[in-house]
Amino acid sequence: MAVYTGPACRRCRALGVKLFLKGERCFTDKCAFERRPYPPGKSRNTRRKLSSYALHLAEKQKAKAVYGVLERQFRRYFEEAKRQKGETGANLVILLERRLDNVVYRAGFASSRREARRLVAHGHIKVNGKKVNIPSYLVKKGDVVSVSDKMKSKEEFKQRFEENARRSSASWIVVDMDNVSATFADIPTRDDVQPPFNENAIVELYSK
């Protein structure tokens, strides 16, 4: 399973936007982007004029960073989005949102998508009662995502789940606090998601 293993905070600074890649740390004064909101290796006053290609590429890099997807898999999502009816950019966002690791994060079971990916890969997540250990598994409308009994029994997990669930704002995911589960109630729209990147710039990049 290929994943990015480099420093997460450095990616936020390089791309010039806070992507919340470090979970709880991003909400504290320890956040590197809040302390140094300029690219690594550059001074605070350095200004760069980027070409159109560089701007479009940056949007793709943001999307890949947010969802923890590398180029080969991201390209597959783009090709699938093109085949579907509707706007390619919006379809791409929705496909990425349906990833199991993203749903686990949105539901509050993990404080970051990176942590959510580990939970799924280690077999702690169930979909409709069956264990699924593939982070890229696409969740469908009506699917119920839950955690293993082993995770439920951990007091540390319970505390973090309550904190994360309160912070989550995904209206299309209904969280059951008592049963520690979440229902993917509906397929979100692009406007529901409000991604921190311009998906149309990604479409233009791949169309060149």
Protein backbone atom coordinates (compact mmCIF):
# COMPACT_ATOMS: atom_id res chain seq x y z
CA MET A 1 0.00 0.00 0.00
CA ALA A 2 1.79 3.15 -1.22
CA VAL A 3 1.36 6.22 0.97
CA TYR A 4 3.13 9.51 1.51
CA THR A 5 5.31 9.21 4.62
CA GLY A 6 7.03 12.60 4.62
CA PRO A 7 6.40 15.54 7.00
CA ALA A 8 2.74 16.57 6.82
CA CYS A 9 3.20 20.13 8.10
CA ARG A 10 5.76 20.82 5.42
CA ARG A 11 3.18 20.03 2.74
CA CYS A 12 0.73 22.58 4.14
CA ARG A 13 3.42 25.26 4.17
CA ALA A 14 4.61 24.39 0.66
CA LEU A 15 1.07 24.53 -0.76
CA GLY A 16 0.14 27.68 1.15
CA VAL A 17 -3.03 26.33 2.76
CA LYS A 18 -3.89 24.64 6.03
CA LEU A 19 -4.97 21.09 5.15
CA PHE A 20 -5.41 19.67 8.68
CA LEU A 21 -3.13 16.71 7.99
CA LYS A 22 -1.94 16.28 11.59
CA GLY A 23 -5.30 15.95 13.28
CA GLU A 24 -5.53 17.43 16.77
CA ARG A 25 -2.20 19.24 16.46
CA CYS A 26 -3.67 21.44 13.72
CA PHE A 27 -6.14 22.93 16.24
CA THR A 28 -3.41 23.98 18.70
CA ASP A 29 -0.75 26.68 18.77
CA LYS A 30 1.79 24.00 17.82
CA CYS A 31 0.53 24.01 14.22
CA ALA A 32 3.54 24.71 11.99
CA PHE A 33 1.42 26.47 9.37
CA GLU A 34 0.08 28.94 11.93
CA ARG A 35 3.59 29.69 13.19
CA ARG A 36 5.28 29.85 9.78
CA PRO A 37 2.67 30.39 7.02
CA TYR A 38 5.20 30.59 4.21
CA PRO A 39 6.97 27.92 2.08
CA PRO A 40 9.83 25.92 3.65
CA GLY A 41 13.24 27.34 2.78
CA LYS A 42 11.77 30.75 1.97
CA SER A 43 11.74 33.91 4.02
CA ARG A 44 8.44 35.41 5.11
CA ASN A 45 8.74 38.26 2.58
CA THR A 46 9.67 36.16 -0.46
CA ARG A 47 7.12 36.40 -3.27
CA ARG A 48 6.85 34.06 -6.21
CA LYS A 49 4.99 34.59 -9.47
CA LEU A 50 3.62 31.23 -10.56
CA SER A 51 2.71 30.19 -14.09
CA SER A 52 -0.76 28.95 -14.98
CA TYR A 53 0.54 25.38 -15.08
CA ALA A 54 2.11 25.75 -11.63
CA LEU A 55 -1.14 27.08 -10.18
CA HIS A 56 -3.14 24.17 -11.63
CA LEU A 57 -0.54 21.68 -10.43
CA ALA A 58 -0.71 23.14 -6.92
CA GLU A 59 -4.47 22.48 -6.81
CA LYS A 60 -3.89 18.84 -7.71
CA GLN A 61 -1.18 18.56 -5.06
CA LYS A 62 -3.59 19.95 -2.48
CA ALA A 63 -6.24 17.37 -3.36
CA LYS A 64 -3.74 14.51 -3.23
CA ALA A 65 -2.42 15.73 0.11
CA VAL A 66 -5.87 16.15 1.68
CA TYR A 67 -7.04 12.64 0.80
CA GLY A 68 -3.65 10.91 1.06
CA VAL A 69 -3.69 9.65 -2.52
CA LEU A 70 -0.66 9.24 -4.79
CA GLU A 71 -0.56 10.09 -8.50
CA ARG A 72 -1.40 6.73 -10.05
CA GLN A 73 -4.51 6.21 -7.93
CA PHE A 74 -5.54 9.85 -8.22
CA ARG A 75 -5.42 9.57 -12.00
CA ARG A 76 -7.74 6.55 -11.83
CA TYR A 77 -10.23 8.56 -9.81
CA PHE A 78 -10.06 11.31 -12.43
CA GLU A 79 -10.70 8.87 -15.29
CA GLU A 80 -13.66 7.39 -13.40
CA ALA A 81 -15.02 10.89 -12.76
CA LYS A 82 -14.82 11.62 -16.51
CA ARG A 83 -16.87 8.53 -17.31
CA GLN A 84 -19.66 9.49 -14.94
CA LYS A 85 -22.50 11.84 -15.82
CA GLY A 86 -22.24 15.44 -14.67
CA GLU A 87 -19.27 17.72 -14.07
CA THR A 88 -15.95 15.89 -13.92
CA GLY A 89 -14.58 18.08 -11.11
CA ALA A 90 -17.59 17.57 -8.86
CA ASN A 91 -17.58 13.83 -9.60
CA LEU A 92 -13.92 13.68 -8.59
CA VAL A 93 -14.60 15.36 -5.24
CA ILE A 94 -17.48 13.00 -4.50
CA LEU A 95 -15.40 9.90 -5.35
CA LEU A 96 -12.67 11.03 -2.97
CA GLU A 97 -15.23 11.72 -0.24
CA ARG A 98 -16.59 8.18 -0.56
CA ARG A 99 -13.24 6.62 0.33
CA LEU A 100 -13.57 4.54 3.50
CA ASP A 101 -10.63 6.20 5.24
CA ASN A 102 -12.20 9.60 4.57
CA VAL A 103 -15.59 8.48 5.95
CA VAL A 104 -13.85 7.11 9.07
CA TYR A 105 -12.22 10.51 9.53
CA ARG A 106 -15.41 12.46 8.83
CA ALA A 107 -17.31 10.32 11.35
CA GLY A 108 -14.82 11.19 14.10
CA PHE A 109 -13.28 7.75 14.54
CA ALA A 110 -9.88 9.30 13.79
CA SER A 111 -8.42 12.78 14.20
CA SER A 112 -6.83 12.77 10.72
CA ARG A 113 -7.17 10.89 7.46
CA ARG A 114 -3.72 9.42 8.00
CA GLU A 115 -4.84 7.93 11.31
CA ALA A 116 -8.08 6.76 9.69
CA ARG A 117 -6.08 4.97 7.00
CA ARG A 118 -4.16 3.08 9.69
CA LEU A 119 -7.37 2.07 11.48
CA VAL A 120 -8.79 0.64 8.27
CA ALA A 121 -5.56 -1.10 7.22
CA HIS A 122 -5.20 -2.73 10.65
CA GLY A 123 -8.69 -4.23 10.48
CA HIS A 124 -10.43 -2.05 13.08
CA ILE A 125 -13.23 -0.86 10.76
CA LYS A 126 -16.40 -2.63 9.66
CA VAL A 127 -18.85 -1.78 6.87
CA ASN A 128 -22.34 -3.21 7.39
CA GLY A 129 -20.92 -5.52 10.04
CA LYS A 130 -18.10 -6.95 7.89
CA LYS A 131 -14.44 -6.07 8.34
CA VAL A 132 -12.99 -4.03 5.49
CA ASN A 133 -9.24 -3.29 5.49
CA ILE A 134 -9.01 -1.41 2.17
CA PRO A 135 -8.75 2.37 2.75
CA SER A 136 -9.82 3.13 -0.85
CA TYR A 137 -13.06 1.11 -0.53
CA LEU A 138 -15.92 3.29 -1.81
CA VAL A 139 -18.75 3.63 0.67
CA LYS A 140 -22.28 3.63 -0.75
CA LYS A 141 -25.43 5.42 0.36
CA GLY A 142 -26.93 3.65 3.36
CA ASP A 143 -23.72 1.86 4.42
CA VAL A 144 -23.07 1.71 8.16
CA VAL A 145 -19.45 2.11 9.24
CA SER A 146 -18.43 0.98 12.72
CA VAL A 147 -15.31 0.11 14.72
CA SER A 148 -14.19 -3.21 16.14
CA ASP A 149 -15.10 -4.23 19.69
CA LYS A 150 -11.42 -4.00 20.59
CA MET A 151 -11.34 -0.30 19.70
CA LYS A 152 -14.66 0.39 21.41
CA SER A 153 -13.29 -0.96 24.69
CA LYS A 154 -10.39 1.51 24.76
CA GLU A 155 -11.08 4.51 26.97
CA GLU A 156 -8.63 6.68 25.04
CA PHE A 157 -10.48 5.96 21.79
CA LYS A 158 -13.85 6.85 23.38
CA GLN A 159 -12.59 10.22 24.56
CA ARG A 160 -11.03 11.10 21.22
CA PHE A 161 -14.11 9.91 19.34
CA GLU A 162 -16.36 12.23 21.35
CA GLU A 163 -14.05 15.19 20.71
CA ASN A 164 -13.68 14.44 16.99
CA ALA A 165 -17.40 13.79 16.45
CA ARG A 166 -18.29 17.20 17.89
CA ARG A 167 -15.79 18.82 15.53
CA SER A 168 -17.11 17.04 12.42
CA SER A 169 -19.48 18.95 10.14
CA ALA A 170 -20.33 16.35 7.51
CA SER A 171 -24.11 16.61 7.20
CA TRP A 172 -24.27 13.53 4.96
CA ILE A 173 -22.86 11.27 7.71
CA VAL A 174 -25.12 10.46 10.67
CA VAL A 175 -23.11 9.48 13.74
CA ASP A 176 -24.52 7.17 16.43
CA MET A 177 -22.55 8.08 19.56
CA ASP A 178 -24.00 5.24 21.66
CA ASN A 179 -23.16 2.45 19.19
CA VAL A 180 -19.98 4.12 17.90
CA SER A 181 -21.11 3.87 14.30
CA ALA A 182 -21.87 6.17 11.39
CA THR A 183 -24.32 5.91 8.52
CA PHE A 184 -23.39 7.28 5.12
CA ALA A 185 -26.86 8.77 4.78
CA ASP A 186 -26.52 10.34 1.35
CA ILE A 187 -24.06 11.02 -1.45
CA PRO A 188 -22.79 14.57 -0.83
CA THR A 189 -22.68 17.27 -3.47
CA ARG A 190 -19.64 19.35 -4.26
CA ASP A 191 -21.18 22.29 -2.36
CA ASP A 192 -21.68 20.09 0.70
CA VAL A 193 -18.00 19.17 0.79
CA GLN A 194 -16.45 22.60 0.13
CA PRO A 195 -12.96 21.15 -0.61
CA PRO A 196 -9.87 23.34 0.06
CA PHE A 197 -8.84 23.11 -3.59
CA ASN A 198 -10.16 24.07 -7.02
CA GLU A 199 -11.25 20.86 -8.70
CA ASN A 200 -11.85 22.64 -12.02
CA ALA A 201 -8.16 23.57 -12.14
CA ILE A 202 -7.36 19.86 -11.83
CA VAL A 203 -9.66 19.08 -14.77
CA GLU A 204 -7.91 21.75 -16.84
CA LEU A 205 -4.50 20.35 -15.86
CA TYR A 206 -5.34 16.83 -17.02
CA SER A 207 -6.97 18.17 -20.17
CA LYS A 208 -3.77 19.81 -21.41
